[in-house]
């Protein structure tokens, strides 16, 4: 069972979002992803080798990282630290990465995902099992609606055609326009369809309060990140208005979560594989949040197939996942192409794990030649 890390390899990959589903929010449009795949090769003394895969789903607007910075830092900083280390415990390798490299959580998350995938394959169990689950085998999902007028209608009809039946509307672009967008979205989806809103921190406190009052007729299930990430008093004030507040940009790692807990600033935390630094830490964050009455869902930075599989397994390993608020595991639908040899089992309303070891997925054969 003693496996040593022998190689850390990367492969750049770029995919274009489906134009009909492209998200436009307060932080701009996510119409293309220039990400990085990671491959870990570990071996034991008997000559057996195990391979694990990860994905750096990084965009400069979120954390100042992208595929190019990740490739450089993995090659020059993280690989020299990891080569020769035991594969398990994965937490020791994660700690070694933290000592070697400040920040860059999405870069570390890509490597950590590959480490966890490899270790779960050694154990011959799905990653959700290695992470302490599964507490469920499928997770409800939603898709973002954005744009105005004909654009909003196009996105909605494309989402419905893909099987989606739960949505959140991108707001934070100006309260009057936001309210008109939500009103039209409610008309499109119908009175009983799940609908939330996500401001990506685009409102100030006064705007958020006015928006919440104006949203009342439309039956929104939650308001995600209504004010800036560091305005925890503002988040608490919006909670006091009686709406369910989801903290996204306010919660990257453990220190952020502690601040949100102390400020009583959220009902739900949007946990990312990338923000947390890997699937193990994402599950750990959710469990700590739950101990203080904050539930979790899996948020998205536009993950491709490997990243979406990591989201799925983490979601299945979280005991107190807020399943009444669908998660954002959308990689099987958001892009015009798929990096996986076999797609995730997703029908738009839910995504389901399989019983294969590790992530249960692998990159397409043509992508394997890109690793170096």
Protein backbone atom coordinates (compact mmCIF):
# COMPACT_ATOMS: atom_id res chain seq x y z
CA UNK A 1 0.00 0.00 0.00
CA UNK A 2 3.04 2.30 0.10
CA UNK A 3 3.04 4.31 -3.12
CA UNK A 4 5.52 7.05 -3.94
CA UNK A 5 4.85 10.02 -6.21
CA UNK A 6 7.01 9.53 -9.29
CA UNK A 7 5.76 12.10 -11.80
CA UNK A 8 3.61 15.24 -11.94
CA UNK A 9 2.60 16.10 -15.48
CA UNK A 10 0.35 18.74 -17.04
CA UNK A 11 -1.55 19.28 -20.27
CA UNK A 12 -3.16 22.56 -21.39
CA UNK A 13 -6.74 22.36 -22.59
CA UNK A 14 -9.07 25.04 -23.94
CA UNK A 15 -12.80 24.73 -24.48
CA UNK A 16 -15.40 27.20 -25.72
CA UNK A 17 -18.65 27.58 -23.84
CA UNK A 18 -21.87 26.81 -25.67
CA UNK A 19 -22.84 30.30 -26.91
CA UNK A 20 -26.46 29.65 -25.94
CA UNK A 21 -25.46 28.94 -22.32
CA UNK A 22 -22.63 31.43 -21.78
CA UNK A 23 -22.87 33.15 -18.39
CA UNK A 24 -22.69 36.95 -18.18
CA UNK A 25 -22.47 38.24 -14.61
CA UNK A 26 -21.14 41.07 -12.49
CA UNK A 27 -17.61 39.75 -13.03
CA UNK A 28 -17.93 39.52 -16.81
CA UNK A 29 -18.60 36.71 -19.28
CA UNK A 30 -17.29 33.15 -19.00
CA UNK A 31 -17.26 32.19 -22.68
CA UNK A 32 -14.01 30.23 -22.79
CA UNK A 33 -11.89 28.22 -20.39
CA UNK A 34 -8.12 27.91 -20.79
CA UNK A 35 -7.50 25.37 -18.07
CA UNK A 36 -4.84 22.81 -17.21
CA UNK A 37 -5.10 19.07 -16.67
CA UNK A 38 -2.82 17.40 -14.13
CA UNK A 39 -1.61 13.80 -14.07
CA UNK A 40 0.02 12.15 -11.06
CA UNK A 41 1.88 8.87 -11.49
CA UNK A 42 2.68 6.95 -8.32
CA UNK A 43 4.30 3.56 -7.93
CA UNK A 44 5.20 0.93 -5.33
CA UNK A 45 8.15 -1.41 -4.84
CA UNK A 46 6.42 -4.25 -6.67
CA UNK A 47 6.40 -2.23 -9.89
CA UNK A 48 2.72 -1.33 -9.93
CA UNK A 49 1.87 2.19 -11.07
CA UNK A 50 -1.30 4.17 -10.42
CA UNK A 51 -2.39 7.27 -12.33
CA UNK A 52 -4.63 10.06 -11.02
CA UNK A 53 -6.05 13.08 -12.82
CA UNK A 54 -6.91 16.60 -11.74
CA UNK A 55 -7.93 19.90 -13.28
CA UNK A 56 -6.86 23.47 -12.61
CA UNK A 57 -10.13 25.33 -13.25
CA UNK A 58 -8.63 28.78 -12.77
CA UNK A 59 -9.60 32.18 -14.16
CA UNK A 60 -7.72 35.43 -13.45
CA UNK A 61 -10.83 37.27 -12.24
CA UNK A 62 -11.35 34.74 -9.45
CA UNK A 63 -7.91 34.13 -8.01
CA UNK A 64 -5.31 35.65 -10.31
CA UNK A 65 -4.48 32.21 -11.70
CA UNK A 66 -4.90 30.60 -15.11
CA UNK A 67 -3.61 27.58 -16.97
CA UNK A 68 -0.33 29.30 -17.84
CA UNK A 69 0.55 30.36 -14.31
CA UNK A 70 -0.50 26.96 -13.01
CA UNK A 71 1.71 25.07 -15.45
CA UNK A 72 4.71 27.21 -14.50
CA UNK A 73 4.20 26.85 -10.75
CA UNK A 74 3.51 23.13 -10.89
CA UNK A 75 6.64 22.54 -12.94
CA UNK A 76 9.02 24.82 -11.05
CA UNK A 77 7.68 24.82 -7.47
CA UNK A 78 5.30 21.97 -6.69
CA UNK A 79 6.79 19.08 -8.65
CA UNK A 80 10.23 19.26 -6.95
CA UNK A 81 8.48 19.16 -3.57
CA UNK A 82 6.17 16.26 -4.38
CA UNK A 83 8.48 13.86 -6.24
CA UNK A 84 9.51 11.09 -3.87
CA UNK A 85 6.82 11.83 -1.29
CA UNK A 86 4.42 9.07 -0.24
CA UNK A 87 1.08 9.29 -2.03
CA UNK A 88 -0.71 8.91 1.30
CA UNK A 89 -1.69 10.61 3.42
CA UNK A 90 -2.74 13.10 0.75
CA UNK A 91 -2.99 15.76 3.45
CA UNK A 92 0.78 15.62 3.93
CA UNK A 93 1.33 16.39 0.26
CA UNK A 94 -1.21 19.23 0.47
CA UNK A 95 0.64 20.67 3.45
CA UNK A 96 3.94 20.41 1.57
CA UNK A 97 2.42 22.38 -1.31
CA UNK A 98 1.28 25.08 1.13
CA UNK A 99 4.78 25.38 2.57
CA UNK A 100 6.29 25.71 -0.90
CA UNK A 101 3.75 28.05 -2.52
CA UNK A 102 1.65 30.87 -1.10
CA UNK A 103 -1.90 31.32 -2.36
CA UNK A 104 -2.79 29.84 -5.76
CA UNK A 105 -5.58 27.62 -4.40
CA UNK A 106 -6.92 26.56 -7.80
CA UNK A 107 -3.46 25.42 -8.90
CA UNK A 108 -3.01 23.38 -5.74
CA UNK A 109 -6.55 22.03 -6.12
CA UNK A 110 -5.72 20.58 -9.53
CA UNK A 111 -2.74 18.72 -8.09
CA UNK A 112 -4.63 17.69 -4.96
CA UNK A 113 -7.48 16.29 -7.06
CA UNK A 114 -5.01 14.14 -8.98
CA UNK A 115 -3.47 12.94 -5.72
CA UNK A 116 -6.88 12.03 -4.29
CA UNK A 117 -7.88 10.32 -7.54
CA UNK A 118 -4.70 8.22 -7.49
CA UNK A 119 -5.12 7.30 -3.81
CA UNK A 120 -8.75 6.26 -4.28
CA UNK A 121 -7.62 4.09 -7.21
CA UNK A 122 -5.04 2.46 -4.94
CA UNK A 123 -7.86 1.71 -2.50
CA UNK A 124 -10.04 0.58 -5.45
CA UNK A 125 -12.96 2.73 -4.25
CA UNK A 126 -14.77 5.77 -5.67
CA UNK A 127 -13.32 9.07 -4.53
CA UNK A 128 -16.50 9.82 -2.56
CA UNK A 129 -15.74 6.76 -0.43
CA UNK A 130 -12.12 7.82 0.13
CA UNK A 131 -13.45 11.22 1.24
CA UNK A 132 -15.70 9.64 3.87
CA UNK A 133 -18.93 9.06 1.95
CA UNK A 134 -20.96 8.59 0.01
CA UNK A 135 -23.98 10.10 1.73
CA UNK A 136 -25.76 10.10 -1.63
CA UNK A 137 -25.05 8.89 -5.15
CA UNK A 138 -26.59 11.77 -7.07
CA UNK A 139 -26.75 15.54 -6.67
CA UNK A 140 -29.40 17.98 -7.94
CA UNK A 141 -27.99 20.73 -10.16
CA UNK A 142 -28.98 24.11 -11.57
CA UNK A 143 -27.80 26.42 -14.36
CA UNK A 144 -27.27 30.18 -14.49
CA UNK A 145 -29.52 32.38 -16.61
CA UNK A 146 -28.09 35.69 -17.77
CA UNK A 147 -28.58 38.41 -20.34
CA UNK A 148 -31.67 40.38 -21.19
CA UNK A 149 -34.48 40.16 -23.70
CA UNK A 150 -33.89 37.67 -26.48
CA UNK A 151 -30.55 36.61 -24.98
CA UNK A 152 -32.18 35.54 -21.73
CA UNK A 153 -34.86 33.65 -23.63
CA UNK A 154 -32.26 31.87 -25.75
CA UNK A 155 -30.31 30.79 -22.67
CA UNK A 156 -33.44 29.55 -20.95
CA UNK A 157 -34.68 27.51 -23.91
CA UNK A 158 -31.20 26.00 -24.44
CA UNK A 159 -31.06 25.11 -20.74
CA UNK A 160 -34.46 23.48 -20.84
CA UNK A 161 -33.46 21.52 -23.94
CA UNK A 162 -30.44 20.24 -21.98
CA UNK A 163 -32.76 19.02 -19.24
CA UNK A 164 -32.28 21.75 -16.63
CA UNK A 165 -35.25 22.49 -14.41
CA UNK A 166 -33.63 24.65 -11.69
CA UNK A 167 -31.95 28.00 -12.24
CA UNK A 168 -30.26 31.05 -10.77
CA UNK A 169 -30.31 34.47 -12.43
CA UNK A 170 -27.14 36.53 -12.69
CA UNK A 171 -27.74 39.96 -11.16
CA UNK A 172 -25.54 42.67 -9.60
CA UNK A 173 -25.51 44.71 -12.81
CA UNK A 174 -27.84 47.51 -11.69
CA UNK A 175 -30.91 46.98 -9.52
CA UNK A 176 -33.57 48.11 -11.97
CA UNK A 177 -32.23 45.92 -14.74
CA UNK A 178 -31.70 43.07 -12.30
CA UNK A 179 -35.33 43.15 -11.18
CA UNK A 180 -36.57 43.26 -14.75
CA UNK A 181 -34.33 40.28 -15.60
CA UNK A 182 -35.61 38.23 -12.67
CA UNK A 183 -39.21 39.13 -13.50
CA UNK A 184 -38.74 37.90 -17.07
CA UNK A 185 -36.94 34.79 -15.86
CA UNK A 186 -39.84 33.97 -13.56
CA UNK A 187 -42.25 34.36 -16.48
CA UNK A 188 -40.13 31.98 -18.55
CA UNK A 189 -39.60 29.27 -15.94
CA UNK A 190 -43.09 29.37 -14.46
CA UNK A 191 -44.34 30.00 -10.92
CA UNK A 192 -43.22 26.72 -9.34
CA UNK A 193 -39.71 26.28 -10.79
CA UNK A 194 -36.71 26.65 -8.50
CA UNK A 195 -35.13 30.09 -9.01
CA UNK A 196 -32.40 31.94 -7.13
CA UNK A 197 -30.22 34.97 -7.85
CA UNK A 198 -26.45 35.51 -7.81
CA UNK A 199 -25.04 39.05 -7.58
CA UNK A 200 -21.35 38.06 -7.46
CA UNK A 201 -20.83 40.91 -4.99
CA UNK A 202 -22.13 43.46 -7.48
CA UNK A 203 -24.43 45.39 -5.12
CA UNK A 204 -23.58 47.70 -2.26
CA UNK A 205 -25.63 47.38 0.92
CA UNK A 206 -28.29 49.90 -0.07
CA UNK A 207 -28.68 48.35 -3.52
CA UNK A 208 -28.87 44.86 -2.03
CA UNK A 209 -31.60 45.90 0.40
CA UNK A 210 -33.60 47.52 -2.40
CA UNK A 211 -33.10 44.50 -4.62
CA UNK A 212 -34.24 42.06 -1.94
CA UNK A 213 -37.43 44.06 -1.41
CA UNK A 214 -38.03 44.16 -5.16
CA UNK A 215 -37.42 40.42 -5.52
CA UNK A 216 -40.18 39.48 -3.08
CA UNK A 217 -42.91 38.94 -5.73
CA UNK A 218 -40.75 36.49 -7.69
CA UNK A 219 -40.25 33.80 -5.06
CA UNK A 220 -36.46 33.54 -5.21
CA UNK A 221 -35.05 30.71 -3.12
CA UNK A 222 -31.76 32.41 -2.23
CA UNK A 223 -29.58 35.45 -2.80
CA UNK A 224 -25.96 34.56 -3.51
CA UNK A 225 -23.16 36.94 -2.58
CA UNK A 226 -25.29 40.09 -2.58
CA UNK A 227 -22.44 42.38 -1.45
CA UNK A 228 -18.66 42.44 -1.69
CA UNK A 229 -16.69 39.47 -0.41
CA UNK A 230 -15.23 41.32 2.58
CA UNK A 231 -18.48 43.04 3.62
CA UNK A 232 -19.55 40.46 6.17
CA UNK A 233 -21.61 43.00 8.10
CA UNK A 234 -23.48 43.65 4.87
CA UNK A 235 -24.14 39.95 4.37
CA UNK A 236 -25.49 39.73 7.91
CA UNK A 237 -27.73 42.75 7.29
CA UNK A 238 -29.19 41.13 4.17
CA UNK A 239 -29.80 37.90 6.10
CA UNK A 240 -31.76 39.95 8.63
CA UNK A 241 -34.21 40.82 5.85
CA UNK A 242 -35.39 37.21 5.90
CA UNK A 243 -33.77 35.84 2.75
CA UNK A 244 -31.45 32.83 2.46
CA UNK A 245 -27.94 34.18 1.88
CA UNK A 246 -25.35 32.05 0.09
CA UNK A 247 -21.73 33.11 0.63
CA UNK A 248 -19.53 32.45 -2.40
CA UNK A 249 -16.72 34.94 -2.91
CA UNK A 250 -16.61 35.41 0.87
CA UNK A 251 -15.53 31.79 1.44
CA UNK A 252 -12.35 30.46 -0.14
CA UNK A 253 -10.50 28.62 2.62
CA UNK A 254 -10.85 27.86 6.30
CA UNK A 255 -9.88 31.32 7.55
CA UNK A 256 -12.61 32.86 5.38
CA UNK A 257 -15.17 30.39 6.67
CA UNK A 258 -14.24 31.17 10.28
CA UNK A 259 -14.80 34.88 9.64
CA UNK A 260 -18.21 34.19 8.06
CA UNK A 261 -19.19 31.99 11.02
CA UNK A 262 -18.14 34.62 13.56
CA UNK A 263 -20.03 37.32 11.67
CA UNK A 264 -23.18 35.17 11.39
CA UNK A 265 -23.09 36.24 7.76
CA UNK A 266 -24.53 33.32 5.76
CA UNK A 267 -27.02 30.50 5.72
CA UNK A 268 -25.20 28.47 3.07
CA UNK A 269 -21.59 28.33 1.84
CA UNK A 270 -20.82 27.81 -1.83
CA UNK A 271 -17.84 25.46 -1.62
CA UNK A 272 -15.51 25.06 -4.60
CA UNK A 273 -12.87 22.44 -5.22
CA UNK A 274 -10.66 25.25 -6.51
CA UNK A 275 -11.26 27.80 -3.77
CA UNK A 276 -10.74 25.20 -1.04
CA UNK A 277 -7.55 23.79 -2.54
CA UNK A 278 -8.84 20.32 -3.43
CA UNK A 279 -11.68 17.89 -2.83
CA UNK A 280 -10.51 16.80 0.61
CA UNK A 281 -10.39 20.34 1.89
CA UNK A 282 -13.72 21.17 0.25
CA UNK A 283 -15.38 18.36 2.21
CA UNK A 284 -13.58 19.46 5.37
CA UNK A 285 -14.85 23.04 4.94
CA UNK A 286 -18.42 21.83 4.48
CA UNK A 287 -18.25 19.68 7.60
CA UNK A 288 -16.89 22.53 9.71
CA UNK A 289 -19.55 24.89 8.33
CA UNK A 290 -22.26 22.38 9.21
CA UNK A 291 -21.08 22.23 12.81
CA UNK A 292 -21.93 25.94 13.06
CA UNK A 293 -25.27 25.75 11.30
CA UNK A 294 -24.12 26.70 7.80
CA UNK A 295 -24.96 24.21 5.09
CA UNK A 296 -23.07 23.85 1.81
CA UNK A 297 -23.55 23.42 -1.90
CA UNK A 298 -20.97 22.94 -4.66
CA UNK A 299 -20.28 26.10 -6.62
CA UNK A 300 -18.67 26.34 -10.04
CA UNK A 301 -15.92 28.15 -11.87
CA UNK A 302 -16.89 26.54 -15.16
CA UNK A 303 -15.14 23.23 -14.49
CA UNK A 304 -14.52 20.83 -17.35
CA UNK A 305 -15.19 17.11 -17.01
CA UNK A 306 -12.40 16.19 -14.57
CA UNK A 307 -13.22 19.15 -12.35
CA UNK A 308 -16.94 18.39 -12.51
CA UNK A 309 -16.27 14.80 -11.45
CA UNK A 310 -14.31 16.12 -8.45
CA UNK A 311 -17.22 18.43 -7.58
CA UNK A 312 -19.61 15.48 -7.76
CA UNK A 313 -17.60 13.19 -5.51
CA UNK A 314 -17.05 15.95 -2.96
CA UNK A 315 -20.78 16.72 -2.95
CA UNK A 316 -21.54 13.05 -2.33
CA UNK A 317 -19.10 13.00 0.60
CA UNK A 318 -20.59 16.03 2.40
CA UNK A 319 -23.00 14.87 5.11
CA UNK A 320 -25.11 18.03 5.28
CA UNK A 321 -25.22 19.07 1.62
CA UNK A 322 -28.03 21.58 1.03
CA UNK A 323 -29.79 19.41 -1.54
CA UNK A 324 -32.83 21.70 -1.51
CA UNK A 325 -30.53 24.25 -3.19
CA UNK A 326 -29.17 22.52 -6.31
CA UNK A 327 -25.41 22.67 -6.84
CA UNK A 328 -23.57 24.07 -9.87
CA UNK A 329 -22.03 20.91 -11.35
CA UNK A 330 -22.55 21.87 -14.99
CA UNK A 331 -19.41 20.69 -16.81
CA UNK A 332 -21.27 18.03 -18.78
CA UNK A 333 -23.43 20.68 -20.44
CA UNK A 334 -21.70 24.06 -20.51
CA UNK A 335 -19.17 23.49 -23.28
CA UNK A 336 -19.32 22.66 -26.97
CA UNK A 337 -16.99 19.71 -26.37
CA UNK A 338 -16.08 17.29 -23.56
CA UNK A 339 -12.62 16.31 -22.35
CA UNK A 340 -13.80 12.98 -20.91
CA UNK A 341 -13.53 9.60 -22.59
CA UNK A 342 -17.06 8.95 -21.29
CA UNK A 343 -19.31 11.78 -20.15
CA UNK A 344 -20.63 12.18 -16.63
CA UNK A 345 -24.06 10.72 -15.98
CA UNK A 346 -25.95 14.03 -15.99
CA UNK A 347 -29.41 14.75 -17.35
CA UNK A 348 -29.59 18.44 -16.41
CA UNK A 349 -31.63 17.90 -13.28
CA UNK A 350 -29.08 15.74 -11.45
CA UNK A 351 -25.61 14.26 -11.84
CA UNK A 352 -24.76 10.77 -10.57
CA UNK A 353 -21.55 9.02 -9.57
CA UNK A 354 -20.59 5.60 -10.90
CA UNK A 355 -18.97 2.78 -8.96
CA UNK A 356 -15.56 2.95 -10.65
CA UNK A 357 -12.49 3.77 -8.52
CA UNK A 358 -11.22 7.29 -8.10
CA UNK A 359 -13.02 9.99 -10.02
CA UNK A 360 -14.56 7.29 -12.18
CA UNK A 361 -13.56 9.18 -15.33
CA UNK A 362 -10.49 9.72 -17.50
CA UNK A 363 -9.54 12.23 -20.21
CA UNK A 364 -10.14 11.42 -23.88
CA UNK A 365 -7.37 9.29 -25.41
CA UNK A 366 -6.28 12.12 -27.73
CA UNK A 367 -5.59 14.35 -24.72
CA UNK A 368 -3.29 11.83 -23.05
CA UNK A 369 -0.49 12.59 -25.53
CA UNK A 370 -0.41 16.22 -24.40
CA UNK A 371 0.89 15.48 -20.90
CA UNK A 372 4.48 16.35 -20.21
